[in-house]
Each structure stands twice: as structure tokens, then as C-alpha cells.
C-alpha atoms as a PDB file:
ATOM      1  CA  MET A   1      29.868   9.714   9.810  1.00  0.00           C
ATOM      2  CA  GLU A   2      29.857  13.525   9.432  1.00  0.00           C
ATOM      3  CA  TYR A   3      26.233  13.376   8.332  1.00  0.00           C
ATOM      4  CA  ILE A   4      25.320  11.357  11.474  1.00  0.00           C
ATOM      5  CA  GLN A   5      27.167  13.869  13.678  1.00  0.00           C
ATOM      6  CA  GLU A   6      25.258  16.752  12.066  1.00  0.00           C
ATOM      7  CA  LEU A   7      21.973  14.921  12.707  1.00  0.00           C
ATOM      8  CA  ASN A   8      22.961  14.328  16.344  1.00  0.00           C
ATOM      9  CA  HIS A   9      23.860  18.010  16.709  1.00  0.00           C
ATOM     10  CA  PHE A  10      20.455  19.008  15.268  1.00  0.00           C
ATOM     11  CA  ALA A  11      18.673  16.554  17.597  1.00  0.00           C
ATOM     12  CA  GLN A  12      20.470  17.972  20.653  1.00  0.00           C
ATOM     13  CA  ASN A  13      19.607  21.564  19.728  1.00  0.00           C
ATOM     14  CA  TYR A  14      15.989  20.801  18.795  1.00  0.00           C
ATOM     15  CA  TRP A  15      15.254  17.734  20.899  1.00  0.00           C
ATOM     16  CA  ILE A  16      11.535  18.563  21.424  1.00  0.00           C
ATOM     17  CA  LEU A  17      11.022  18.916  17.646  1.00  0.00           C
ATOM     18  CA  THR A  18      13.020  15.704  17.084  1.00  0.00           C
ATOM     19  CA  MET A  19      10.822  13.849  19.599  1.00  0.00           C
ATOM     20  CA  ILE A  20       7.583  15.156  18.018  1.00  0.00           C
ATOM     21  CA  ILE A  21       8.738  14.181  14.498  1.00  0.00           C
ATOM     22  CA  GLY A  22       9.880  10.726  15.704  1.00  0.00           C
ATOM     23  CA  LEU A  23       6.609  10.104  17.533  1.00  0.00           C
ATOM     24  CA  LEU A  24       4.435  11.266  14.619  1.00  0.00           C
ATOM     25  CA  ALA A  25       6.445   9.291  12.047  1.00  0.00           C
ATOM     26  CA  SER A  26       6.058   6.016  13.970  1.00  0.00           C
ATOM     27  CA  PHE A  27       2.344   6.795  14.582  1.00  0.00           C
ATOM     28  CA  ILE A  28       1.602   7.593  10.906  1.00  0.00           C
ATOM     29  CA  GLU A  29       3.439   4.450   9.704  1.00  0.00           C
ATOM     30  CA  SER A  30       0.686   2.347  11.324  1.00  0.00           C
ATOM     31  CA  PHE A  31      -1.759   3.785   8.760  1.00  0.00           C
ATOM     32  CA  LEU A  32       0.700   4.019   5.838  1.00  0.00           C
ATOM     33  CA  PRO A  33       2.703   0.778   5.701  1.00  0.00           C
ATOM     34  CA  ILE A  34       4.703   2.083   2.713  1.00  0.00           C
ATOM     35  CA  LEU A  35       6.719   4.152   5.218  1.00  0.00           C
ATOM     36  CA  PRO A  36       9.853   2.294   6.380  1.00  0.00           C
ATOM     37  CA  LEU A  37       9.181   1.439  10.043  1.00  0.00           C
ATOM     38  CA  MET A  38      12.653  -0.038  10.602  1.00  0.00           C
ATOM     39  CA  ALA A  39      14.266   3.182   9.323  1.00  0.00           C
ATOM     40  CA  ILE A  40      12.009   5.341  11.552  1.00  0.00           C
ATOM     41  CA  VAL A  41      12.785   3.269  14.657  1.00  0.00           C
ATOM     42  CA  GLY A  42      16.481   3.212  13.773  1.00  0.00           C
ATOM     43  CA  ALA A  43      16.574   7.005  13.279  1.00  0.00           C
ATOM     44  CA  ASN A  44      14.808   7.567  16.615  1.00  0.00           C
ATOM     45  CA  ALA A  45      17.367   5.352  18.391  1.00  0.00           C
ATOM     46  CA  LEU A  46      20.259   7.080  16.606  1.00  0.00           C
ATOM     47  CA  LEU A  47      19.058  10.588  17.497  1.00  0.00           C
ATOM     48  CA  LEU A  48      17.517  10.002  20.932  1.00  0.00           C
ATOM     49  CA  GLY A  49      19.566   7.077  22.273  1.00  0.00           C
ATOM     50  CA  LEU A  50      18.548   3.484  22.934  1.00  0.00           C
ATOM     51  CA  PHE A  51      16.036   4.143  25.725  1.00  0.00           C
ATOM     52  CA  GLY A  52      14.565   7.421  24.383  1.00  0.00           C
ATOM     53  CA  GLY A  53      14.292   6.264  20.775  1.00  0.00           C
ATOM     54  CA  LEU A  54      12.906   2.852  21.721  1.00  0.00           C
ATOM     55  CA  ILE A  55      10.196   4.229  24.039  1.00  0.00           C
ATOM     56  CA  LEU A  56       9.209   7.029  21.641  1.00  0.00           C
ATOM     57  CA  SER A  57       8.894   4.642  18.664  1.00  0.00           C
ATOM     58  CA  TRP A  58       7.019   2.111  20.798  1.00  0.00           C
ATOM     59  CA  ILE A  59       4.492   4.669  22.080  1.00  0.00           C
ATOM     60  CA  GLY A  60       3.894   6.205  18.620  1.00  0.00           C
ATOM     61  CA  SER A  61       3.582   2.897  16.778  1.00  0.00           C
ATOM     62  CA  GLY A  62       1.579   1.278  19.592  1.00  0.00           C
ATOM     63  CA  LEU A  63      -0.945   4.141  19.659  1.00  0.00           C
ATOM     64  CA  GLY A  64      -1.220   4.162  15.853  1.00  0.00           C
ATOM     65  CA  THR A  65      -1.704   0.385  15.593  1.00  0.00           C
ATOM     66  CA  ALA A  66      -4.236   0.336  18.462  1.00  0.00           C
ATOM     67  CA  LEU A  67      -6.192   3.219  16.851  1.00  0.00           C
ATOM     68  CA  LEU A  68      -6.183   1.500  13.436  1.00  0.00           C
ATOM     69  CA  PHE A  69      -7.374  -1.736  15.062  1.00  0.00           C
ATOM     70  CA  LEU A  70     -10.184   0.050  16.965  1.00  0.00           C
ATOM     71  CA  ILE A  71     -11.328   2.015  13.878  1.00  0.00           C
ATOM     72  CA  ILE A  72     -11.491  -1.107  11.677  1.00  0.00           C
ATOM     73  CA  SER A  73     -13.178  -3.077  14.500  1.00  0.00           C
ATOM     74  CA  ARG A  74     -15.763  -0.327  14.982  1.00  0.00           C
ATOM     75  CA  PHE A  75     -16.653  -0.039  11.280  1.00  0.00           C
ATOM     76  CA  ASN A  76     -16.013  -3.695  10.431  1.00  0.00           C
ATOM     77  CA  ASP A  77     -19.262  -4.167   8.509  1.00  0.00           C
ATOM     78  CA  ASN A  78     -19.118  -0.795   6.738  1.00  0.00           C
ATOM     79  CA  ARG A  79     -19.020  -0.919   2.906  1.00  0.00           C
ATOM     80  CA  LEU A  80     -15.953   1.325   2.835  1.00  0.00           C
ATOM     81  CA  PHE A  81     -13.929  -1.133   4.931  1.00  0.00           C
ATOM     82  CA  ASN A  82     -15.165  -4.086   2.895  1.00  0.00           C
ATOM     83  CA  LYS A  83     -12.884  -2.743   0.134  1.00  0.00           C
ATOM     84  CA  PHE A  84      -9.937  -3.655   2.379  1.00  0.00           C
ATOM     85  CA  ARG A  85     -11.058  -7.283   2.254  1.00  0.00           C
ATOM     86  CA  SER A  86      -8.676  -8.338  -0.499  1.00  0.00           C
ATOM     87  CA  LYS A  87      -7.921 -12.017  -1.122  1.00  0.00           C
ATOM     88  CA  LYS A  88      -4.759 -11.668   0.979  1.00  0.00           C
ATOM     89  CA  VAL A  89      -6.657 -10.166   3.938  1.00  0.00           C
ATOM     90  CA  ASN A  90      -9.420 -12.797   3.717  1.00  0.00           C
ATOM     91  CA  LYS A  91      -6.829 -15.587   3.696  1.00  0.00           C
ATOM     92  CA  ALA A  92      -5.076 -14.019   6.700  1.00  0.00           C
ATOM     93  CA  ILE A  93      -8.434 -13.829   8.534  1.00  0.00           C
ATOM     94  CA  LYS A  94      -9.190 -17.513   7.880  1.00  0.00           C
ATOM     95  CA  TRP A  95      -5.659 -18.467   8.894  1.00  0.00           C
ATOM     96  CA  MET A  96      -5.917 -16.497  12.153  1.00  0.00           C
ATOM     97  CA  ASP A  97      -9.308 -18.059  12.889  1.00  0.00           C
ATOM     98  CA  LYS A  98      -7.852 -21.510  12.335  1.00  0.00           C
ATOM     99  CA  LYS A  99      -4.589 -20.976  14.223  1.00  0.00           C
ATOM    100  CA  GLY A 100      -5.948 -18.909  17.059  1.00  0.00           C
ATOM    101  CA  PHE A 101      -3.981 -15.964  18.312  1.00  0.00           C
ATOM    102  CA  LYS A 102      -0.921 -17.707  19.719  1.00  0.00           C
ATOM    103  CA  LEU A 103       1.205 -16.235  16.954  1.00  0.00           C
ATOM    104  CA  LEU A 104      -0.039 -12.633  17.376  1.00  0.00           C
ATOM    105  CA  PHE A 105       2.898 -11.768  19.628  1.00  0.00           C
ATOM    106  CA  PHE A 106       5.391 -13.371  17.219  1.00  0.00           C
ATOM    107  CA  ALA A 107       3.823 -11.586  14.238  1.00  0.00           C
ATOM    108  CA  TYR A 108       4.466  -8.185  15.846  1.00  0.00           C
ATOM    109  CA  SER A 109       7.901  -9.064  17.198  1.00  0.00           C
ATOM    110  CA  CYS A 110       9.191 -10.142  13.788  1.00  0.00           C
ATOM    111  CA  PRO A 111      10.161  -7.300  11.390  1.00  0.00           C
ATOM    112  CA  PHE A 112       9.661  -9.612   8.383  1.00  0.00           C
ATOM    113  CA  VAL A 113       5.892 -10.048   8.966  1.00  0.00           C
ATOM    114  CA  PRO A 114       3.622  -7.236   7.598  1.00  0.00           C
ATOM    115  CA  SER A 115       2.093  -5.840  10.813  1.00  0.00           C
ATOM    116  CA  PHE A 116      -0.448  -3.715   8.874  1.00  0.00           C
ATOM    117  CA  LEU A 117      -1.978  -6.905   7.441  1.00  0.00           C
ATOM    118  CA  VAL A 118      -1.970  -8.566  10.888  1.00  0.00           C
ATOM    119  CA  THR A 119      -3.738  -5.523  12.416  1.00  0.00           C
ATOM    120  CA  ILE A 120      -6.467  -5.450   9.746  1.00  0.00           C
ATOM    121  CA  ALA A 121      -6.976  -9.230   9.900  1.00  0.00           C
ATOM    122  CA  SER A 122      -7.189  -9.081  13.721  1.00  0.00           C
ATOM    123  CA  ALA A 123      -9.813  -6.320  13.519  1.00  0.00           C
ATOM    124  CA  PHE A 124     -11.861  -8.225  10.920  1.00  0.00           C
ATOM    125  CA  CYS A 125     -11.635 -11.334  13.121  1.00  0.00           C
ATOM    126  CA  LYS A 126     -13.058  -9.234  15.970  1.00  0.00           C
ATOM    127  CA  VAL A 127     -10.228 -10.071  18.354  1.00  0.00           C
ATOM    128  CA  ASP A 128     -10.883  -8.816  21.868  1.00  0.00           C
ATOM    129  CA  PRO A 129      -8.891  -5.549  22.342  1.00  0.00           C
ATOM    130  CA  LYS A 130      -7.869  -6.845  25.800  1.00  0.00           C
ATOM    131  CA  CYS A 131      -6.099  -9.698  24.010  1.00  0.00           C
ATOM    132  CA  PHE A 132      -4.878  -7.779  20.951  1.00  0.00           C
ATOM    133  CA  ILE A 133      -3.342  -4.669  22.558  1.00  0.00           C
ATOM    134  CA  PRO A 134      -1.042  -6.406  25.120  1.00  0.00           C
ATOM    135  CA  ALA A 135       0.174  -8.936  22.501  1.00  0.00           C
ATOM    136  CA  MET A 136       0.790  -6.158  19.955  1.00  0.00           C
ATOM    137  CA  LEU A 137       2.598  -3.877  22.444  1.00  0.00           C
ATOM    138  CA  SER A 138       4.838  -6.621  23.823  1.00  0.00           C
ATOM    139  CA  GLY A 139       5.653  -7.887  20.309  1.00  0.00           C
ATOM    140  CA  LYS A 140       6.481  -4.396  19.028  1.00  0.00           C
ATOM    141  CA  PHE A 141       8.656  -3.725  22.081  1.00  0.00           C
ATOM    142  CA  ILE A 142      10.811  -6.770  21.271  1.00  0.00           C
ATOM    143  CA  MET A 143      11.069  -5.806  17.585  1.00  0.00           C
ATOM    144  CA  PHE A 144      11.944  -2.176  18.359  1.00  0.00           C
ATOM    145  CA  LEU A 145      14.572  -3.236  20.899  1.00  0.00           C
ATOM    146  CA  PHE A 146      16.047  -5.485  18.211  1.00  0.00           C
ATOM    147  CA  ILE A 147      16.242  -2.531  15.759  1.00  0.00           C
ATOM    148  CA  SER A 148      17.242   0.182  18.279  1.00  0.00           C
ATOM    149  CA  TYR A 149      20.112  -1.734  19.883  1.00  0.00           C
ATOM    150  CA  PRO A 150      22.627  -1.462  16.987  1.00  0.00           C
ATOM    151  CA  MET A 151      21.420   1.979  15.846  1.00  0.00           C
ATOM    152  CA  SER A 152      21.879   3.642  19.234  1.00  0.00           C
ATOM    153  CA  ASP A 153      25.668   3.100  19.111  1.00  0.00           C
ATOM    154  CA  ILE A 154      26.764   2.537  15.521  1.00  0.00           C
ATOM    155  CA  LYS A 155      30.486   3.161  16.196  1.00  0.00           C
ATOM    156  CA  GLY A 156      30.597   0.791  19.167  1.00  0.00           C
ATOM    157  CA  PHE A 157      28.527  -1.751  17.278  1.00  0.00           C
ATOM    158  CA  ILE A 158      30.755  -1.740  14.181  1.00  0.00           C
ATOM    159  CA  ASN A 159      33.908  -2.121  16.313  1.00  0.00           C
ATOM    160  CA  SER A 160      32.554  -5.080  18.305  1.00  0.00           C
ATOM    161  CA  PRO A 161      32.573  -8.478  16.537  1.00  0.00           C
ATOM    162  CA  VAL A 162      30.567  -9.996  19.428  1.00  0.00           C
ATOM    163  CA  LYS A 163      27.754  -7.441  18.998  1.00  0.00           C
ATOM    164  CA  ILE A 164      27.728  -8.028  15.232  1.00  0.00           C
ATOM    165  CA  LEU A 165      27.562 -11.815  15.758  1.00  0.00           C
ATOM    166  CA  VAL A 166      24.707 -11.524  18.306  1.00  0.00           C
ATOM    167  CA  PHE A 167      22.817  -9.180  15.975  1.00  0.00           C
ATOM    168  CA  CYS A 168      23.287 -11.535  12.990  1.00  0.00           C
ATOM    169  CA  LEU A 169      21.982 -14.440  15.094  1.00  0.00           C
ATOM    170  CA  LEU A 170      18.943 -12.352  16.121  1.00  0.00           C
ATOM    171  CA  VAL A 171      18.291 -11.418  12.462  1.00  0.00           C
ATOM    172  CA  PHE A 172      18.515 -15.085  11.467  1.00  0.00           C
ATOM    173  CA  LEU A 173      16.187 -16.133  14.322  1.00  0.00           C
ATOM    174  CA  SER A 174      13.703 -13.387  13.428  1.00  0.00           C
ATOM    175  CA  TRP A 175      13.832 -14.337   9.742  1.00  0.00           C
ATOM    176  CA  THR A 176      13.281 -18.028  10.618  1.00  0.00           C
ATOM    177  CA  ILE A 177      10.212 -17.211  12.761  1.00  0.00           C
ATOM    178  CA  GLY A 178       8.830 -14.868  10.063  1.00  0.00           C
ATOM    179  CA  ASN A 179       9.415 -17.502   7.405  1.00  0.00           C
ATOM    180  CA  LYS A 180       7.561 -20.147   9.450  1.00  0.00           C
ATOM    181  CA  VAL A 181       4.601 -17.789   9.952  1.00  0.00           C
ATOM    182  CA  LYS A 182       4.607 -16.976   6.217  1.00  0.00           C
ATOM    183  CA  LYS A 183       4.793 -20.680   5.239  1.00  0.00           C
ATOM    184  CA  SER A 184       1.979 -21.475   7.652  1.00  0.00           C
ATOM    185  CA  LEU A 185      -0.152 -18.787   5.974  1.00  0.00           C
ATOM    186  CA  GLU A 186       0.763 -20.083   2.485  1.00  0.00           C
ATOM    187  CA  ASN A 187      -0.060 -23.688   3.483  1.00  0.00           C
ATOM    188  CA  HIS A 188      -3.409 -22.488   4.806  1.00  0.00           C
ATOM    189  CA  GLU A 189      -4.046 -20.738   1.461  1.00  0.00           C
ATOM    190  CA  LYS A 190      -3.233 -23.956  -0.436  1.00  0.00           C
ATOM    191  CA  ASP A 191      -5.544 -25.968   1.858  1.00  0.00           C
ATOM    192  CA  ASN A 192      -8.366 -23.489   1.168  1.00  0.00           C
ATOM    193  CA  GLU A 193      -7.787 -23.684  -2.588  1.00  0.00           C
ATOM    194  CA  THR A 194      -7.883 -27.513  -2.412  1.00  0.00           C
ATOM    195  CA  GLU A 195     -11.124 -27.430  -0.412  1.00  0.00           C
ATOM    196  CA  ASN A 196     -12.727 -25.047  -2.908  1.00  0.00           C
ATOM    197  CA  VAL A 197     -11.873 -27.264  -5.915  1.00  0.00           C
END
């Protein structure tokens, strides 16, 4: 807890620097999925509060994801971007073509679905930005709210069994949705393999 208090003290003294770092970290994560998005969003909520951390993470990640989507869409047929077309990405593209984009919102609202893969597949599928951006932003908002809520008040959260129970139920619900999306993608892959035999 002392470490968290020191971080809070630093954030209060250098709040502009804290905001810039939080915004850039969530923006850069859109291009480098190896960075832990949940940890970045959680840290922003811890240091800047529920509302400040949530909005900052949402703006940074939303701008980064939208820019990645627009770049890949613009250079879709370029040889450089064809290297991104791994088997996994191609299967995701076919799955999205088959399913439509009803699950785009759920894919971004669930922390257990790789959003980087969804963004690239959406760009390769040439989804209309007017459809993609609102679905992505609304989905990310739900996911970030889900992460920011417990992190913004760790002490209060730990001392409240009701909050812990609600959070556990939300985690279970999110995991269930993510698992269904993943199984749907895997079933689509199996169907494709059967068709190709």
C-alpha cells in the first residue's frame, strides 16, 4: 500500500506528466499488443481516478486503434501489409465475413479477445470506418469501465464483499462471452479445414 501511496503522491505533483504518459501508453498499446492494456488502464484509473483514468485510457486507445485500422485499410493491398496475413488473421477475416459485424462491439468490450487481431481483420475485411469506429469506441468504453472500476478505489473495493461479488460476476460474464467468440472462431476454422480436404 505504501508503494501505491507514493505513486498517488507522484501523480498529484506531476499530474500533467502522468496524464501524458497514461495517454501515450494506451495509444502505443494499439500498435504493440505485447504491452499489457489491462495494467495500463488500471494504472490510469489508480492514479487519475475512475473518471479521469477511464476517459484518458479510452481516448488514447481509441485514437491508436482507429489510426491502426485506417493505416491498414489504406495500405491493405501493399506487399508489406500482406506479411501480416498470417493463417490466424486470414481465418479471422473469413470468420468476420461469414458472421458479419454483430460481434465487433462484443470483441472490443471483452478483455479476453485479442483486439489487435480484431482491428487488423476488420481493416483487411474493408469494414466501413463509420461502422467500425463507433462499435470499437463503445466496446472499449465498456471494457475500460470494467477494469477502471475496481482500480480507482482498491481499499474500498477490497473491503466490500458486494463489490467483489459484482466484479467476479462481470469477469465470469466477460470470460463466457470471450470464450463463445473464441469457440465460434475455432469452429469456423474447423469448417474451413473440412471444406479444403
